[in-house]
Amino acid sequence: MTDAVSLKPDLGRYGAWLATRSIAPELAAKIESLGYRAAWVGGSPDAELAWVEPALAQTNSLQLATGIVNIWSAAAAPVAESFQRIESAYPGRFLLGIGVGHPEHTQEYVKPYTALVDYLDELDAALVPTSRRVLAALGPKVLALSAERSAGAHPYLTTPEHTAKAREQVGNSVFLAPEHKVVLTTDRAKAREAGRGVVQHYLGLSNYVNNWLRLGFTEDDVRTPGSDKLIDAVVAYGTAEDIAKRLDEHIQAGADHVAIQVLGGYDEDTLLPTLSELAGPLGLTPSS
């Protein structure tokens, strides 16, 4: 089952990524007003996605996406019920991102690929269209599944080099929306400290480590707390123009959309100033 070829999602080039499990309607409206076309909500949201509707009601065209719903903690049936309710009220404005999470965090993490396929089968049975769902995908096997069973892939904590390899594998008709972290500062030490504070958590997770090794990073690079080379590759910093240039490398490598994660906090006082500074260099047009 695939309709991704004819119905590739259009989330614009750039969106905001939040590790908050939900989004307040007022924040969604402010993100939209800056010209961003999408807001991604991470932190493994619950199966009941009731927070989506108020945020969509408060905005005009902003799309909301989950990045990602964890298949181990959110059963397919209630997720599908939430999707159908949201889609009925706000057609084409919600994108369901799902993934298998991390084996280190889930006791029942057995045969994750098979579990993901079974989950997709349940979504198919509940008539959740492939055109409105994406998979968290890093390695070749799940990237291939994302192309076959969804609109595409939402790779997390990657580089433009990974984006290029992913695009080469899945082809041009598949949606590709990597996440990239940013710190708006020209103080290299400060930026690396902020980046390392977040990235080092993932150095203990095999799927990320293996992906970095496939990209050519060494064992030394991926050993805690992470080399400067690794941090600089996955965290963009500098002026707003410097960051925009780095994010655009994903677009040039084949990404349809880049989800921007601002490090340092997800409250409005931290998030919005950075998104505002980036909007101009990213070529975004604020809405009235």
Protein backbone atom coordinates (compact mmCIF):
# COMPACT_ATOMS: atom_id res chain seq x y z
CA MET A 1 0.00 0.00 0.00
CA THR A 2 1.57 3.31 -1.03
CA ASP A 3 0.27 6.61 -2.30
CA ALA A 4 3.44 8.55 -1.41
CA VAL A 5 4.35 9.03 -5.08
CA SER A 6 1.33 11.15 -5.90
CA LEU A 7 0.68 12.68 -2.51
CA LYS A 8 4.07 13.78 -1.19
CA PRO A 9 3.48 16.03 1.86
CA ASP A 10 4.22 19.72 1.52
CA LEU A 11 5.42 21.15 4.84
CA GLY A 12 7.48 23.91 3.28
CA ARG A 13 11.23 23.92 3.56
CA TYR A 14 11.53 24.57 7.28
CA GLY A 15 9.69 23.76 10.49
CA ALA A 16 10.33 23.88 14.24
CA TRP A 17 11.04 20.70 16.24
CA LEU A 18 10.11 20.56 19.94
CA ALA A 19 10.89 17.85 22.50
CA THR A 20 7.74 18.65 24.43
CA ARG A 21 5.21 15.82 23.77
CA SER A 22 2.57 18.46 22.91
CA ILE A 23 2.35 22.08 21.80
CA ALA A 24 0.37 24.98 23.24
CA PRO A 25 -1.98 26.63 20.73
CA GLU A 26 -0.45 30.06 21.40
CA LEU A 27 3.06 28.78 20.65
CA ALA A 28 1.87 27.11 17.46
CA ALA A 29 0.36 30.40 16.31
CA LYS A 30 3.59 32.29 16.99
CA ILE A 31 5.67 29.73 15.10
CA GLU A 32 3.29 30.07 12.15
CA SER A 33 3.47 33.87 12.30
CA LEU A 34 7.24 33.71 11.75
CA GLY A 35 6.72 31.92 8.44
CA TYR A 36 7.43 28.33 9.46
CA ARG A 37 5.09 25.87 7.78
CA ALA A 38 5.26 23.06 10.32
CA ALA A 39 5.82 22.26 13.98
CA TRP A 40 7.16 18.84 14.94
CA VAL A 41 6.41 17.51 18.43
CA GLY A 42 8.86 14.96 19.78
CA GLY A 43 9.20 13.44 23.20
CA SER A 44 7.11 10.37 22.28
CA PRO A 45 3.57 11.82 22.44
CA ASP A 46 0.78 9.66 23.86
CA ALA A 47 -1.53 7.67 21.60
CA GLU A 48 -4.37 10.08 22.32
CA LEU A 49 -3.34 13.17 20.36
CA ALA A 50 -5.95 15.53 21.78
CA TRP A 51 -3.48 18.43 21.94
CA VAL A 52 -3.30 18.61 18.14
CA GLU A 53 -6.77 20.01 17.52
CA PRO A 54 -6.51 23.16 19.71
CA ALA A 55 -3.18 24.02 18.10
CA LEU A 56 -4.61 23.56 14.61
CA ALA A 57 -7.68 25.60 15.55
CA GLN A 58 -5.41 28.46 16.64
CA THR A 59 -3.52 28.47 13.33
CA ASN A 60 -4.46 28.91 9.69
CA SER A 61 -2.20 26.66 7.65
CA LEU A 62 0.51 25.37 9.99
CA GLN A 63 0.96 21.61 9.80
CA LEU A 64 1.63 19.61 12.95
CA ALA A 65 3.70 16.43 12.92
CA THR A 66 4.80 13.95 15.55
CA GLY A 67 8.49 13.23 15.67
CA ILE A 68 7.80 10.55 16.80
CA VAL A 69 5.00 8.47 18.30
CA ASN A 70 6.74 5.44 19.80
CA ILE A 71 5.13 2.16 18.70
CA TRP A 72 5.95 0.50 22.03
CA SER A 73 4.18 3.08 24.20
CA ALA A 74 1.36 4.16 21.88
CA ALA A 75 -0.84 1.38 20.50
CA ALA A 76 -1.84 1.61 16.85
CA ALA A 77 -5.62 1.52 17.41
CA PRO A 78 -5.94 4.68 19.56
CA VAL A 79 -3.34 6.44 17.41
CA ALA A 80 -5.42 5.67 14.34
CA GLU A 81 -8.58 6.90 16.10
CA SER A 82 -6.83 10.17 16.95
CA PHE A 83 -5.58 10.53 13.40
CA GLN A 84 -9.00 10.00 11.84
CA ARG A 85 -10.60 12.51 14.18
CA ILE A 86 -7.94 15.13 13.46
CA GLU A 87 -7.96 14.49 9.72
CA SER A 88 -11.74 14.84 9.62
CA ALA A 89 -11.61 18.21 11.36
CA TYR A 90 -8.42 19.55 9.74
CA PRO A 91 -7.82 17.72 6.43
CA GLY A 92 -4.20 17.54 5.36
CA ARG A 93 -2.78 19.42 8.34
CA PHE A 94 -1.52 16.58 10.52
CA LEU A 95 1.39 14.28 9.70
CA LEU A 96 1.79 11.15 11.81
CA GLY A 97 5.43 10.35 12.50
CA ILE A 98 6.04 6.94 14.09
CA GLY A 99 9.10 4.95 15.07
CA VAL A 100 10.50 2.12 17.17
CA GLY A 101 12.45 4.17 19.70
CA HIS A 102 15.57 2.66 21.28
CA PRO A 103 16.29 -0.91 22.41
CA GLU A 104 18.14 0.48 25.43
CA HIS A 105 14.93 2.13 26.67
CA THR A 106 12.34 -0.59 26.11
CA GLN A 107 12.36 -3.93 27.92
CA GLU A 108 10.02 -5.53 25.39
CA TYR A 109 12.07 -4.29 22.47
CA VAL A 110 12.07 -7.52 20.43
CA LYS A 111 12.39 -7.69 16.65
CA PRO A 112 11.72 -3.97 16.16
CA TYR A 113 11.49 -4.18 12.38
CA THR A 114 8.79 -6.84 12.56
CA ALA A 115 6.94 -4.86 15.22
CA LEU A 116 7.05 -1.76 13.03
CA VAL A 117 5.68 -3.68 10.05
CA ASP A 118 2.87 -5.08 12.19
CA TYR A 119 2.09 -1.56 13.45
CA LEU A 120 1.89 -0.28 9.87
CA ASP A 121 -0.45 -3.17 9.04
CA GLU A 122 -2.75 -2.01 11.85
CA LEU A 123 -2.67 1.57 10.55
CA ASP A 124 -3.52 0.28 7.08
CA ALA A 125 -6.46 -1.66 8.48
CA ALA A 126 -7.65 1.52 10.20
CA LEU A 127 -7.38 3.40 6.89
CA VAL A 128 -4.62 5.77 7.97
CA PRO A 129 -3.26 6.83 4.55
CA THR A 130 0.40 6.30 3.78
CA SER A 131 0.50 9.87 2.44
CA ARG A 132 -0.03 11.25 5.95
CA ARG A 133 2.52 9.23 7.87
CA VAL A 134 6.32 9.07 8.00
CA LEU A 135 8.80 6.79 9.72
CA ALA A 136 11.78 7.60 11.90
CA ALA A 137 14.51 6.06 9.74
CA LEU A 138 18.30 6.04 9.83
CA GLY A 139 19.59 2.80 8.34
CA PRO A 140 18.95 1.36 4.86
CA LYS A 141 16.37 -1.23 5.96
CA VAL A 142 13.96 1.17 7.65
CA LEU A 143 14.59 3.84 5.00
CA ALA A 144 13.41 1.29 2.44
CA LEU A 145 10.36 0.52 4.57
CA SER A 146 9.57 4.24 4.87
CA ALA A 147 9.51 4.50 1.10
CA GLU A 148 7.34 1.40 0.72
CA ARG A 149 4.85 1.89 3.55
CA SER A 150 4.67 5.64 4.20
CA ALA A 151 5.14 9.04 2.61
CA GLY A 152 8.78 8.99 3.61
CA ALA A 153 11.33 9.40 6.38
CA HIS A 154 12.05 11.69 9.32
CA PRO A 155 15.71 11.04 10.19
CA TYR A 156 16.84 12.44 13.54
CA LEU A 157 20.29 13.67 14.56
CA THR A 158 21.85 13.31 11.14
CA THR A 159 23.98 15.27 8.69
CA PRO A 160 23.56 16.53 5.11
CA GLU A 161 25.76 13.61 4.07
CA HIS A 162 23.17 11.23 5.50
CA THR A 163 20.44 13.17 3.72
CA ALA A 164 22.25 12.70 0.41
CA LYS A 165 22.65 8.96 0.98
CA ALA A 166 19.02 8.63 2.04
CA ARG A 167 17.80 10.53 -1.02
CA GLU A 168 19.90 8.35 -3.29
CA GLN A 169 18.38 5.24 -1.75
CA VAL A 170 14.69 6.19 -1.62
CA GLY A 171 14.43 8.18 -4.85
CA ASN A 172 12.97 11.59 -5.59
CA SER A 173 9.29 10.79 -5.01
CA VAL A 174 9.71 10.00 -1.30
CA PHE A 175 9.36 12.68 1.37
CA LEU A 176 12.54 13.31 3.35
CA ALA A 177 12.52 15.55 6.43
CA PRO A 178 15.66 15.42 8.59
CA GLU A 179 15.96 17.13 11.97
CA HIS A 180 18.94 19.38 12.75
CA LYS A 181 19.94 21.06 16.01
CA VAL A 182 20.94 24.73 16.22
CA VAL A 183 22.52 27.10 18.74
CA LEU A 184 22.45 30.78 17.85
CA THR A 185 25.84 31.90 19.12
CA THR A 186 29.22 32.72 17.60
CA ASP A 187 30.94 31.41 20.74
CA ARG A 188 32.19 28.03 19.53
CA ALA A 189 32.91 26.70 23.01
CA LYS A 190 29.46 27.70 24.24
CA ALA A 191 27.79 26.14 21.19
CA ARG A 192 29.69 22.89 21.56
CA GLU A 193 28.87 22.75 25.26
CA ALA A 194 25.16 23.16 24.53
CA GLY A 195 25.29 20.62 21.71
CA ARG A 196 27.29 18.08 23.68
CA GLY A 197 24.87 18.37 26.59
CA VAL A 198 22.14 16.99 24.34
CA VAL A 199 24.06 14.78 21.92
CA GLN A 200 26.02 12.78 24.49
CA HIS A 201 22.76 11.12 25.58
CA TYR A 202 22.56 9.50 22.14
CA LEU A 203 26.12 8.19 22.29
CA GLY A 204 24.78 5.31 24.35
CA LEU A 205 22.12 4.38 21.80
CA SER A 206 23.19 1.83 19.21
CA ASN A 207 21.02 2.98 16.32
CA TYR A 208 22.55 6.47 16.35
CA VAL A 209 26.09 5.26 16.95
CA ASN A 210 25.85 2.75 14.12
CA ASN A 211 24.47 5.41 11.81
CA TRP A 212 27.37 7.76 12.57
CA LEU A 213 29.85 4.96 11.98
CA ARG A 214 28.26 4.28 8.59
CA LEU A 215 28.74 7.97 7.79
CA GLY A 216 32.48 7.69 8.42
CA PHE A 217 32.82 8.87 12.00
CA THR A 218 35.33 6.89 14.05
CA GLU A 219 34.94 4.99 17.30
CA ASP A 220 36.75 7.87 18.98
CA ASP A 221 34.24 10.37 17.54
CA VAL A 222 31.26 8.51 18.98
CA ARG A 223 32.77 7.79 22.38
CA THR A 224 31.30 9.86 25.24
CA PRO A 225 31.22 12.86 25.35
CA GLY A 226 31.53 13.00 21.55
CA SER A 227 34.29 14.58 19.49
CA ASP A 228 34.23 18.19 18.32
CA LYS A 229 33.96 16.83 14.79
CA LEU A 230 30.75 14.96 15.62
CA ILE A 231 29.20 17.84 17.56
CA ASP A 232 29.99 20.31 14.77
CA ALA A 233 28.40 17.95 12.24
CA VAL A 234 25.07 17.55 14.02
CA VAL A 235 24.73 20.96 15.69
CA ALA A 236 24.71 24.14 13.58
CA TYR A 237 25.93 27.33 15.24
CA GLY A 238 27.25 30.79 14.45
CA THR A 239 25.30 33.73 13.09
CA ALA A 240 21.79 33.27 11.77
CA GLU A 241 23.28 33.36 8.26
CA ASP A 242 25.83 30.67 9.18
CA ILE A 243 23.10 28.42 10.54
CA ALA A 244 20.82 28.99 7.55
CA LYS A 245 23.66 28.02 5.23
CA ARG A 246 24.21 24.79 7.15
CA LEU A 247 20.51 23.92 7.16
CA ASP A 248 20.33 24.62 3.44
CA GLU A 249 22.95 21.92 2.91
CA HIS A 250 20.21 19.40 3.76
CA ILE A 251 17.96 20.94 1.10
CA GLN A 252 20.77 20.87 -1.45
CA ALA A 253 21.43 17.23 -0.52
CA GLY A 254 17.84 16.30 -1.30
CA ALA A 255 15.73 17.06 1.77
CA ASP A 256 12.20 18.31 1.17
CA HIS A 257 11.97 19.83 4.64
CA VAL A 258 14.25 20.43 7.63
CA ALA A 259 12.92 20.30 11.20
CA ILE A 260 14.91 22.78 13.29
CA GLN A 261 15.53 21.98 16.95
CA VAL A 262 16.64 25.03 18.92
CA LEU A 263 18.79 23.96 21.86
CA GLY A 264 18.62 25.63 25.24
CA GLY A 265 14.94 25.19 26.09
CA TYR A 266 11.51 25.03 24.51
CA ASP A 267 9.83 27.91 26.28
CA GLU A 268 8.84 30.88 24.15
CA ASP A 269 11.56 33.11 25.55
CA THR A 270 14.25 30.72 24.31
CA LEU A 271 12.70 29.24 21.21
CA LEU A 272 11.03 32.17 19.46
CA PRO A 273 13.94 34.64 19.38
CA THR A 274 16.14 32.09 17.60
CA LEU A 275 13.38 31.08 15.17
CA SER A 276 12.75 34.77 14.52
CA GLU A 277 16.43 35.49 13.82
CA LEU A 278 16.64 32.53 11.45
CA ALA A 279 13.46 33.33 9.52
CA GLY A 280 14.99 36.01 7.30
CA PRO A 281 18.15 34.11 6.30
CA LEU A 282 16.00 31.02 5.67
CA GLY A 283 13.86 33.02 3.25
CA LEU A 284 10.68 32.71 5.27
CA THR A 285 7.85 35.24 4.95
CA PRO A 286 6.14 36.21 8.22
CA SER A 287 2.37 36.01 8.21
CA SER A 288 0.20 38.88 9.37
